[in-house]
Amino acid sequence: MSAGHNGRFKPGQSGNPGGRPKARRPNVSAFDIIFGKTLSVTQNGSQRELTIDEALQLQTYQAALGGSKMAIRQVLEMIEKREAALAQTAPSPHQAYQTRS
């Protein structure tokens, strides 16, 4: 090898002077966009607004009542998560009953 420079770029010059291109899209998933929307739903003759998440949960509850084993499993998981969240926010039984001195 010779002592001369055989590479593409001069010493000290970057191979990418413009740097990495900026991201074109924000880091928002399609689910975030969909779950932010609402639906108009008619139940028992009255109309109300539901988020997509609420509508999917309602549909899952209805499928569970119809006997779908997968829906029943999902509803039981929802109940377990709700119970765990309530247990974290509820006061402990020892705090609820304090005696006066």
PDB file of N, CA and C in Angstrom:
ATOM      1  N   MET A   1       0.846  -1.180   0.000  1.00  0.00           N
ATOM      2  CA  MET A   1       0.000   0.000   0.000  1.00  0.00           C
ATOM      3  C   MET A   1       0.881   1.229   0.000  1.00  0.00           C
ATOM      4  N   SER A   2       0.427   2.202  -0.690  1.00  0.00           N
ATOM      5  CA  SER A   2       1.179   3.453  -0.747  1.00  0.00           C
ATOM      6  C   SER A   2       0.765   4.360   0.392  1.00  0.00           C
ATOM      7  N   ALA A   3       1.580   5.358   0.642  1.00  0.00           N
ATOM      8  CA  ALA A   3       1.306   6.300   1.722  1.00  0.00           C
ATOM      9  C   ALA A   3       0.217   7.290   1.337  1.00  0.00           C
ATOM     10  N   GLY A   4      -0.187   7.365   0.081  1.00  0.00           N
ATOM     11  CA  GLY A   4      -1.224   8.302  -0.377  1.00  0.00           C
ATOM     12  C   GLY A   4      -2.616   7.856   0.050  1.00  0.00           C
ATOM     13  N   HIS A   5      -3.595   8.734  -0.133  1.00  0.00           N
ATOM     14  CA  HIS A   5      -4.976   8.456   0.264  1.00  0.00           C
ATOM     15  C   HIS A   5      -5.707   7.791  -0.892  1.00  0.00           C
ATOM     16  N   ASN A   6      -6.242   6.592  -0.677  1.00  0.00           N
ATOM     17  CA  ASN A   6      -6.927   5.851  -1.726  1.00  0.00           C
ATOM     18  C   ASN A   6      -8.436   5.795  -1.514  1.00  0.00           C
ATOM     19  N   GLY A   7      -8.971   6.360  -0.437  1.00  0.00           N
ATOM     20  CA  GLY A   7     -10.396   6.279  -0.130  1.00  0.00           C
ATOM     21  C   GLY A   7     -11.222   7.283  -0.924  1.00  0.00           C
ATOM     22  N   ARG A   8     -12.506   7.259  -0.717  1.00  0.00           N
ATOM     23  CA  ARG A   8     -13.420   8.155  -1.412  1.00  0.00           C
ATOM     24  C   ARG A   8     -13.400   9.569  -0.857  1.00  0.00           C
ATOM     25  N   PHE A   9     -13.250   9.674   0.451  1.00  0.00           N
ATOM     26  CA  PHE A   9     -13.357  10.973   1.105  1.00  0.00           C
ATOM     27  C   PHE A   9     -11.991  11.447   1.579  1.00  0.00           C
ATOM     28  N   LYS A  10     -11.855  12.742   1.636  1.00  0.00           N
ATOM     29  CA  LYS A  10     -10.622  13.331   2.154  1.00  0.00           C
ATOM     30  C   LYS A  10     -10.569  13.104   3.663  1.00  0.00           C
ATOM     31  N   PRO A  11      -9.386  13.048   4.229  1.00  0.00           N
ATOM     32  CA  PRO A  11      -9.293  12.880   5.687  1.00  0.00           C
ATOM     33  C   PRO A  11     -10.020  14.017   6.406  1.00  0.00           C
ATOM     34  N   GLY A  12     -10.853  13.665   7.386  1.00  0.00           N
ATOM     35  CA  GLY A  12     -11.594  14.654   8.150  1.00  0.00           C
ATOM     36  C   GLY A  12     -12.939  15.025   7.544  1.00  0.00           C
ATOM     37  N   GLN A  13     -13.268  14.520   6.375  1.00  0.00           N
ATOM     38  CA  GLN A  13     -14.547  14.829   5.728  1.00  0.00           C
ATOM     39  C   GLN A  13     -15.532  13.698   6.021  1.00  0.00           C
ATOM     40  N   SER A  14     -16.743  14.071   6.375  1.00  0.00           N
ATOM     41  CA  SER A  14     -17.761  13.088   6.704  1.00  0.00           C
ATOM     42  C   SER A  14     -18.280  12.427   5.440  1.00  0.00           C
ATOM     43  N   GLY A  15     -18.644  11.163   5.559  1.00  0.00           N
ATOM     44  CA  GLY A  15     -19.268  10.449   4.453  1.00  0.00           C
ATOM     45  C   GLY A  15     -20.728  10.804   4.302  1.00  0.00           C
ATOM     46  N   ASN A  16     -21.305  11.460   5.312  1.00  0.00           N
ATOM     47  CA  ASN A  16     -22.712  11.847   5.274  1.00  0.00           C
ATOM     48  C   ASN A  16     -22.838  13.253   5.855  1.00  0.00           C
ATOM     49  N   PRO A  17     -22.483  14.279   5.087  1.00  0.00           N
ATOM     50  CA  PRO A  17     -22.460  15.627   5.633  1.00  0.00           C
ATOM     51  C   PRO A  17     -23.834  16.158   6.034  1.00  0.00           C
ATOM     52  N   GLY A  18     -24.892  15.656   5.442  1.00  0.00           N
ATOM     53  CA  GLY A  18     -26.242  16.115   5.792  1.00  0.00           C
ATOM     54  C   GLY A  18     -26.763  15.469   7.062  1.00  0.00           C
ATOM     55  N   GLY A  19     -26.115  14.414   7.507  1.00  0.00           N
ATOM     56  CA  GLY A  19     -26.565  13.710   8.707  1.00  0.00           C
ATOM     57  C   GLY A  19     -27.739  12.790   8.419  1.00  0.00           C
ATOM     58  N   ARG A  20     -28.223  12.169   9.459  1.00  0.00           N
ATOM     59  CA  ARG A  20     -29.347  11.251   9.332  1.00  0.00           C
ATOM     60  C   ARG A  20     -30.616  12.046   9.055  1.00  0.00           C
ATOM     61  N   PRO A  21     -31.448  11.607   8.105  1.00  0.00           N
ATOM     62  CA  PRO A  21     -32.684  12.349   7.824  1.00  0.00           C
ATOM     63  C   PRO A  21     -33.647  12.295   9.014  1.00  0.00           C
ATOM     64  N   LYS A  22     -34.438  13.346   9.163  1.00  0.00           N
ATOM     65  CA  LYS A  22     -35.428  13.410  10.235  1.00  0.00           C
ATOM     66  C   LYS A  22     -36.533  12.394   9.967  1.00  0.00           C
ATOM     67  N   ALA A  23     -37.142  11.915  11.048  1.00  0.00           N
ATOM     68  CA  ALA A  23     -38.252  10.975  10.910  1.00  0.00           C
ATOM     69  C   ALA A  23     -39.411  11.667  10.214  1.00  0.00           C
ATOM     70  N   ARG A  24     -40.043  10.976   9.318  1.00  0.00           N
ATOM     71  CA  ARG A  24     -41.131  11.579   8.552  1.00  0.00           C
ATOM     72  C   ARG A  24     -42.460  11.528   9.283  1.00  0.00           C
ATOM     73  N   ARG A  25     -42.677  10.459  10.041  1.00  0.00           N
ATOM     74  CA  ARG A  25     -43.942  10.316  10.750  1.00  0.00           C
ATOM     75  C   ARG A  25     -43.705  10.391  12.254  1.00  0.00           C
ATOM     76  N   PRO A  26     -44.667  10.902  12.984  1.00  0.00           N
ATOM     77  CA  PRO A  26     -44.525  10.868  14.444  1.00  0.00           C
ATOM     78  C   PRO A  26     -44.635   9.424  14.931  1.00  0.00           C
ATOM     79  N   ASN A  27     -44.176   9.178  16.120  1.00  0.00           N
ATOM     80  CA  ASN A  27     -44.215   7.833  16.687  1.00  0.00           C
ATOM     81  C   ASN A  27     -45.599   7.527  17.249  1.00  0.00           C
ATOM     82  N   VAL A  28     -46.588   7.551  16.391  1.00  0.00           N
ATOM     83  CA  VAL A  28     -47.965   7.258  16.771  1.00  0.00           C
ATOM     84  C   VAL A  28     -48.407   6.048  15.972  1.00  0.00           C
ATOM     85  N   SER A  29     -48.879   5.036  16.667  1.00  0.00           N
ATOM     86  CA  SER A  29     -49.321   3.831  15.968  1.00  0.00           C
ATOM     87  C   SER A  29     -50.741   4.022  15.438  1.00  0.00           C
ATOM     88  N   ALA A  30     -51.117   3.151  14.544  1.00  0.00           N
ATOM     89  CA  ALA A  30     -52.467   3.190  13.976  1.00  0.00           C
ATOM     90  C   ALA A  30     -53.508   2.964  15.072  1.00  0.00           C
ATOM     91  N   PHE A  31     -53.171   2.144  16.064  1.00  0.00           N
ATOM     92  CA  PHE A  31     -54.109   1.890  17.160  1.00  0.00           C
ATOM     93  C   PHE A  31     -54.356   3.152  17.977  1.00  0.00           C
ATOM     94  N   ASP A  32     -53.316   3.959  18.198  1.00  0.00           N
ATOM     95  CA  ASP A  32     -53.492   5.213  18.934  1.00  0.00           C
ATOM     96  C   ASP A  32     -54.449   6.137  18.193  1.00  0.00           C
ATOM     97  N   ILE A  33     -54.345   6.174  16.889  1.00  0.00           N
ATOM     98  CA  ILE A  33     -55.224   7.030  16.090  1.00  0.00           C
ATOM     99  C   ILE A  33     -56.653   6.517  16.142  1.00  0.00           C
ATOM    100  N   ILE A  34     -56.825   5.211  16.003  1.00  0.00           N
ATOM    101  CA  ILE A  34     -58.175   4.623  15.997  1.00  0.00           C
ATOM    102  C   ILE A  34     -58.830   4.746  17.366  1.00  0.00           C
ATOM    103  N   PHE A  35     -58.081   4.451  18.443  1.00  0.00           N
ATOM    104  CA  PHE A  35     -58.669   4.481  19.779  1.00  0.00           C
ATOM    105  C   PHE A  35     -59.051   5.891  20.213  1.00  0.00           C
ATOM    106  N   GLY A  36     -58.538   6.911  19.561  1.00  0.00           N
ATOM    107  CA  GLY A  36     -58.901   8.279  19.902  1.00  0.00           C
ATOM    108  C   GLY A  36     -60.242   8.712  19.327  1.00  0.00           C
ATOM    109  N   LYS A  37     -60.809   7.928  18.444  1.00  0.00           N
ATOM    110  CA  LYS A  37     -62.073   8.289  17.782  1.00  0.00           C
ATOM    111  C   LYS A  37     -63.270   7.791  18.590  1.00  0.00           C
ATOM    112  N   THR A  38     -64.431   8.376  18.300  1.00  0.00           N
ATOM    113  CA  THR A  38     -65.666   7.961  18.973  1.00  0.00           C
ATOM    114  C   THR A  38     -66.673   7.478  17.949  1.00  0.00           C
ATOM    115  N   LEU A  39     -67.626   6.695  18.434  1.00  0.00           N
ATOM    116  CA  LEU A  39     -68.710   6.166  17.617  1.00  0.00           C
ATOM    117  C   LEU A  39     -70.041   6.568  18.234  1.00  0.00           C
ATOM    118  N   SER A  40     -71.034   6.757  17.397  1.00  0.00           N
ATOM    119  CA  SER A  40     -72.402   6.941  17.885  1.00  0.00           C
ATOM    120  C   SER A  40     -73.072   5.577  17.865  1.00  0.00           C
ATOM    121  N   VAL A  41     -73.542   5.146  19.031  1.00  0.00           N
ATOM    122  CA  VAL A  41     -74.138   3.824  19.169  1.00  0.00           C
ATOM    123  C   VAL A  41     -75.539   3.980  19.723  1.00  0.00           C
ATOM    124  N   THR A  42     -76.472   3.221  19.165  1.00  0.00           N
ATOM    125  CA  THR A  42     -77.839   3.215  19.677  1.00  0.00           C
ATOM    126  C   THR A  42     -78.031   1.953  20.514  1.00  0.00           C
ATOM    127  N   GLN A  43     -78.353   2.153  21.794  1.00  0.00           N
ATOM    128  CA  GLN A  43     -78.604   1.039  22.702  1.00  0.00           C
ATOM    129  C   GLN A  43     -79.955   1.256  23.361  1.00  0.00           C
ATOM    130  N   ASN A  44     -80.805   0.258  23.258  1.00  0.00           N
ATOM    131  CA  ASN A  44     -82.144   0.318  23.869  1.00  0.00           C
ATOM    132  C   ASN A  44     -82.883   1.586  23.482  1.00  0.00           C
ATOM    133  N   GLY A  45     -82.753   1.996  22.236  1.00  0.00           N
ATOM    134  CA  GLY A  45     -83.480   3.155  21.747  1.00  0.00           C
ATOM    135  C   GLY A  45     -82.836   4.498  22.034  1.00  0.00           C
ATOM    136  N   SER A  46     -81.769   4.551  22.796  1.00  0.00           N
ATOM    137  CA  SER A  46     -81.103   5.825  23.067  1.00  0.00           C
ATOM    138  C   SER A  46     -79.718   5.822  22.422  1.00  0.00           C
ATOM    139  N   GLN A  47     -79.329   6.996  21.947  1.00  0.00           N
ATOM    140  CA  GLN A  47     -78.046   7.112  21.261  1.00  0.00           C
ATOM    141  C   GLN A  47     -77.012   7.707  22.216  1.00  0.00           C
ATOM    142  N   ARG A  48     -75.790   7.168  22.163  1.00  0.00           N
ATOM    143  CA  ARG A  48     -74.717   7.673  23.001  1.00  0.00           C
ATOM    144  C   ARG A  48     -73.392   7.547  22.272  1.00  0.00           C
ATOM    145  N   GLU A  49     -72.409   8.297  22.754  1.00  0.00           N
ATOM    146  CA  GLU A  49     -71.077   8.285  22.155  1.00  0.00           C
ATOM    147  C   GLU A  49     -70.192   7.307  22.930  1.00  0.00           C
ATOM    148  N   LEU A  50     -69.460   6.477  22.211  1.00  0.00           N
ATOM    149  CA  LEU A  50     -68.519   5.544  22.811  1.00  0.00           C
ATOM    150  C   LEU A  50     -67.170   5.694  22.115  1.00  0.00           C
ATOM    151  N   THR A  51     -66.106   5.541  22.875  1.00  0.00           N
ATOM    152  CA  THR A  51     -64.796   5.467  22.235  1.00  0.00           C
ATOM    153  C   THR A  51     -64.685   4.098  21.574  1.00  0.00           C
ATOM    154  N   ILE A  52     -63.737   3.957  20.690  1.00  0.00           N
ATOM    155  CA  ILE A  52     -63.526   2.672  20.029  1.00  0.00           C
ATOM    156  C   ILE A  52     -63.192   1.601  21.065  1.00  0.00           C
ATOM    157  N   ASP A  53     -62.389   1.962  22.047  1.00  0.00           N
ATOM    158  CA  ASP A  53     -62.023   1.022  23.100  1.00  0.00           C
ATOM    159  C   ASP A  53     -63.261   0.542  23.856  1.00  0.00           C
ATOM    160  N   GLU A  54     -64.144   1.477  24.217  1.00  0.00           N
ATOM    161  CA  GLU A  54     -65.374   1.110  24.923  1.00  0.00           C
ATOM    162  C   GLU A  54     -66.267   0.234  24.048  1.00  0.00           C
ATOM    163  N   ALA A  55     -66.348   0.549  22.766  1.00  0.00           N
ATOM    164  CA  ALA A  55     -67.173  -0.239  21.854  1.00  0.00           C
ATOM    165  C   ALA A  55     -66.629  -1.662  21.724  1.00  0.00           C
ATOM    166  N   LEU A  56     -65.310  -1.800  21.652  1.00  0.00           N
ATOM    167  CA  LEU A  56     -64.716  -3.137  21.570  1.00  0.00           C
ATOM    168  C   LEU A  56     -64.944  -3.925  22.849  1.00  0.00           C
ATOM    169  N   GLN A  57     -64.863  -3.257  23.997  1.00  0.00           N
ATOM    170  CA  GLN A  57     -65.133  -3.946  25.258  1.00  0.00           C
ATOM    171  C   GLN A  57     -66.590  -4.387  25.322  1.00  0.00           C
ATOM    172  N   LEU A  58     -67.494  -3.521  24.901  1.00  0.00           N
ATOM    173  CA  LEU A  58     -68.915  -3.867  24.901  1.00  0.00           C
ATOM    174  C   LEU A  58     -69.179  -5.064  23.991  1.00  0.00           C
ATOM    175  N   GLN A  59     -68.540  -5.061  22.830  1.00  0.00           N
ATOM    176  CA  GLN A  59     -68.704  -6.175  21.898  1.00  0.00           C
ATOM    177  C   GLN A  59     -68.147  -7.472  22.503  1.00  0.00           C
ATOM    178  N   THR A  60     -67.041  -7.355  23.230  1.00  0.00           N
ATOM    179  CA  THR A  60     -66.455  -8.527  23.878  1.00  0.00           C
ATOM    180  C   THR A  60     -67.386  -9.061  24.964  1.00  0.00           C
ATOM    181  N   TYR A  61     -67.986  -8.164  25.756  1.00  0.00           N
ATOM    182  CA  TYR A  61     -68.945  -8.591  26.788  1.00  0.00           C
ATOM    183  C   TYR A  61     -70.133  -9.308  26.158  1.00  0.00           C
ATOM    184  N   GLN A  62     -70.640  -8.768  25.054  1.00  0.00           N
ATOM    185  CA  GLN A  62     -71.788  -9.384  24.386  1.00  0.00           C
ATOM    186  C   GLN A  62     -71.418 -10.759  23.831  1.00  0.00           C
ATOM    187  N   ALA A  63     -70.202 -10.883  23.282  1.00  0.00           N
ATOM    188  CA  ALA A  63     -69.764 -12.188  22.762  1.00  0.00           C
ATOM    189  C   ALA A  63     -69.603 -13.185  23.909  1.00  0.00           C
ATOM    190  N   ALA A  64     -69.118 -12.708  25.067  1.00  0.00           N
ATOM    191  CA  ALA A  64     -68.971 -13.593  26.230  1.00  0.00           C
ATOM    192  C   ALA A  64     -70.330 -14.075  26.706  1.00  0.00           C
ATOM    193  N   LEU A  65     -71.304 -13.175  26.726  1.00  0.00           N
ATOM    194  CA  LEU A  65     -72.654 -13.587  27.122  1.00  0.00           C
ATOM    195  C   LEU A  65     -73.250 -14.554  26.114  1.00  0.00           C
ATOM    196  N   GLY A  66     -72.798 -14.474  24.872  1.00  0.00           N
ATOM    197  CA  GLY A  66     -73.269 -15.392  23.839  1.00  0.00           C
ATOM    198  C   GLY A  66     -72.585 -16.748  23.895  1.00  0.00           C
ATOM    199  N   GLY A  67     -71.573 -16.890  24.748  1.00  0.00           N
ATOM    200  CA  GLY A  67     -70.949 -18.196  24.935  1.00  0.00           C
ATOM    201  C   GLY A  67     -69.583 -18.349  24.299  1.00  0.00           C
ATOM    202  N   SER A  68     -69.011 -17.302  23.730  1.00  0.00           N
ATOM    203  CA  SER A  68     -67.685 -17.400  23.119  1.00  0.00           C
ATOM    204  C   SER A  68     -66.633 -17.604  24.207  1.00  0.00           C
ATOM    205  N   LYS A  69     -65.916 -18.732  24.123  1.00  0.00           N
ATOM    206  CA  LYS A  69     -64.912 -19.043  25.148  1.00  0.00           C
ATOM    207  C   LYS A  69     -63.779 -18.036  25.138  1.00  0.00           C
ATOM    208  N   MET A  70     -63.359 -17.589  23.964  1.00  0.00           N
ATOM    209  CA  MET A  70     -62.281 -16.605  23.898  1.00  0.00           C
ATOM    210  C   MET A  70     -62.724 -15.285  24.523  1.00  0.00           C
ATOM    211  N   ALA A  71     -63.959 -14.881  24.262  1.00  0.00           N
ATOM    212  CA  ALA A  71     -64.470 -13.641  24.838  1.00  0.00           C
ATOM    213  C   ALA A  71     -64.606 -13.759  26.354  1.00  0.00           C
ATOM    214  N   ILE A  72     -65.037 -14.915  26.829  1.00  0.00           N
ATOM    215  CA  ILE A  72     -65.151 -15.135  28.273  1.00  0.00           C
ATOM    216  C   ILE A  72     -63.775 -15.000  28.920  1.00  0.00           C
ATOM    217  N   ARG A  73     -62.754 -15.571  28.286  1.00  0.00           N
ATOM    218  CA  ARG A  73     -61.385 -15.478  28.808  1.00  0.00           C
ATOM    219  C   ARG A  73     -60.936 -14.021  28.858  1.00  0.00           C
ATOM    220  N   GLN A  74     -61.242 -13.259  27.808  1.00  0.00           N
ATOM    221  CA  GLN A  74     -60.850 -11.851  27.780  1.00  0.00           C
ATOM    222  C   GLN A  74     -61.567 -11.049  28.862  1.00  0.00           C
ATOM    223  N   VAL A  75     -62.845 -11.325  29.064  1.00  0.00           N
ATOM    224  CA  VAL A  75     -63.601 -10.613  30.100  1.00  0.00           C
ATOM    225  C   VAL A  75     -63.048 -10.942  31.478  1.00  0.00           C
ATOM    226  N   LEU A  76     -62.709 -12.195  31.712  1.00  0.00           N
ATOM    227  CA  LEU A  76     -62.127 -12.566  33.007  1.00  0.00           C
ATOM    228  C   LEU A  76     -60.791 -11.873  33.229  1.00  0.00           C
ATOM    229  N   GLU A  77     -59.986 -11.730  32.168  1.00  0.00           N
ATOM    230  CA  GLU A  77     -58.725 -10.995  32.293  1.00  0.00           C
ATOM    231  C   GLU A  77     -58.976  -9.520  32.596  1.00  0.00           C
ATOM    232  N   MET A  78     -60.003  -8.934  31.965  1.00  0.00           N
ATOM    233  CA  MET A  78     -60.349  -7.535  32.248  1.00  0.00           C
ATOM    234  C   MET A  78     -60.764  -7.366  33.700  1.00  0.00           C
ATOM    235  N   ILE A  79     -61.539  -8.320  34.209  1.00  0.00           N
ATOM    236  CA  ILE A  79     -61.990  -8.260  35.600  1.00  0.00           C
ATOM    237  C   ILE A  79     -60.796  -8.369  36.545  1.00  0.00           C
ATOM    238  N   GLU A  80     -59.859  -9.278  36.246  1.00  0.00           N
ATOM    239  CA  GLU A  80     -58.673  -9.428  37.097  1.00  0.00           C
ATOM    240  C   GLU A  80     -57.846  -8.146  37.126  1.00  0.00           C
ATOM    241  N   LYS A  81     -57.664  -7.516  35.966  1.00  0.00           N
ATOM    242  CA  LYS A  81     -56.900  -6.263  35.908  1.00  0.00           C
ATOM    243  C   LYS A  81     -57.602  -5.168  36.696  1.00  0.00           C
ATOM    244  N   ARG A  82     -58.920  -5.109  36.582  1.00  0.00           N
ATOM    245  CA  ARG A  82     -59.688  -4.091  37.311  1.00  0.00           C
ATOM    246  C   ARG A  82     -59.580  -4.316  38.812  1.00  0.00           C
ATOM    247  N   GLU A  83     -59.704  -5.560  39.233  1.00  0.00           N
ATOM    248  CA  GLU A  83     -59.606  -5.883  40.664  1.00  0.00           C
ATOM    249  C   GLU A  83     -58.217  -5.536  41.200  1.00  0.00           C
ATOM    250  N   ALA A  84     -57.171  -5.815  40.424  1.00  0.00           N
ATOM    251  CA  ALA A  84     -55.812  -5.498  40.851  1.00  0.00           C
ATOM    252  C   ALA A  84     -55.621  -3.987  40.972  1.00  0.00           C
ATOM    253  N   ALA A  85     -56.183  -3.236  40.022  1.00  0.00           N
ATOM    254  CA  ALA A  85     -56.065  -1.773  40.078  1.00  0.00           C
ATOM    255  C   ALA A  85     -56.835  -1.211  41.269  1.00  0.00           C
ATOM    256  N   LEU A  86     -58.013  -1.758  41.543  1.00  0.00           N
ATOM    257  CA  LEU A  86     -58.794  -1.298  42.692  1.00  0.00           C
ATOM    258  C   LEU A  86     -58.101  -1.644  44.008  1.00  0.00           C
ATOM    259  N   ALA A  87     -57.456  -2.797  44.058  1.00  0.00           N
ATOM    260  CA  ALA A  87     -56.760  -3.202  45.278  1.00  0.00           C
ATOM    261  C   ALA A  87     -55.583  -2.274  45.578  1.00  0.00           C
ATOM    262  N   GLN A  88     -54.949  -1.749  44.529  1.00  0.00           N
ATOM    263  CA  GLN A  88     -53.824  -0.836  44.747  1.00  0.00           C
ATOM    264  C   GLN A  88     -54.288   0.517  45.268  1.00  0.00           C
ATOM    265  N   THR A  89     -55.462   0.976  44.851  1.00  0.00           N
ATOM    266  CA  THR A  89     -55.934   2.300  45.251  1.00  0.00           C
ATOM    267  C   THR A  89     -56.767   2.279  46.525  1.00  0.00           C
ATOM    268  N   ALA A  90     -57.296   1.118  46.903  1.00  0.00           N
ATOM    269  CA  ALA A  90     -58.144   1.025  48.103  1.00  0.00           C
ATOM    270  C   ALA A  90     -57.286   1.091  49.355  1.00  0.00           C
ATOM    271  N   PRO A  91     -57.801   1.708  50.412  1.00  0.00           N
ATOM    272  CA  PRO A  91     -57.044   1.730  51.669  1.00  0.00           C
ATOM    273  C   PRO A  91     -56.985   0.327  52.262  1.00  0.00           C
ATOM    274  N   SER A  92     -55.924   0.058  52.996  1.00  0.00           N
ATOM    275  CA  SER A  92     -55.800  -1.258  53.614  1.00  0.00           C
ATOM    276  C   SER A  92     -56.820  -1.365  54.749  1.00  0.00           C
ATOM    277  N   PRO A  93     -57.240  -2.581  55.108  1.00  0.00           N
ATOM    278  CA  PRO A  93     -58.245  -2.743  56.175  1.00  0.00           C
ATOM    279  C   PRO A  93     -57.754  -2.202  57.506  1.00  0.00           C
ATOM    280  N   HIS A  94     -56.455  -2.194  57.739  1.00  0.00           N
ATOM    281  CA  HIS A  94     -55.929  -1.701  59.005  1.00  0.00           C
ATOM    282  C   HIS A  94     -56.050  -0.184  59.092  1.00  0.00           C
ATOM    283  N   GLN A  95     -56.007   0.511  57.970  1.00  0.00           N
ATOM    284  CA  GLN A  95     -56.132   1.957  57.956  1.00  0.00           C
ATOM    285  C   GLN A  95     -57.593   2.393  58.086  1.00  0.00           C
ATOM    286  N   ALA A  96     -58.503   1.541  57.654  1.00  0.00           N
ATOM    287  CA  ALA A  96     -59.915   1.923  57.646  1.00  0.00           C
ATOM    288  C   ALA A  96     -60.473   2.026  59.075  1.00  0.00           C
ATOM    289  N   TYR A  97     -60.007   1.159  59.972  1.00  0.00           N
ATOM    290  CA  TYR A  97     -60.515   1.153  61.338  1.00  0.00           C
ATOM    291  C   TYR A  97     -59.417   1.589  62.285  1.00  0.00           C
ATOM    292  N   GLN A  98     -59.514   2.848  62.723  1.00  0.00           N
ATOM    293  CA  GLN A  98     -58.532   3.344  63.679  1.00  0.00           C
ATOM    294  C   GLN A  98     -59.258   3.593  65.003  1.00  0.00           C
ATOM    295  N   THR A  99     -58.584   3.237  66.060  1.00  0.00           N
ATOM    296  CA  THR A  99     -59.188   3.437  67.377  1.00  0.00           C
ATOM    297  C   THR A  99     -58.690   4.759  67.955  1.00  0.00           C
ATOM    298  N   ARG A 100     -59.527   5.373  68.766  1.00  0.00           N
ATOM    299  CA  ARG A 100     -59.159   6.636  69.428  1.00  0.00           C
ATOM    300  C   ARG A 100     -58.588   6.319  70.803  1.00  0.00           C
ATOM    301  N   SER A 101     -57.606   7.079  71.192  1.00  0.00           N
ATOM    302  CA  SER A 101     -57.023   6.872  72.514  1.00  0.00           C
ATOM    303  C   SER A 101     -57.513   7.912  73.466  1.00  0.00           C
TER     304      SER A 101
END
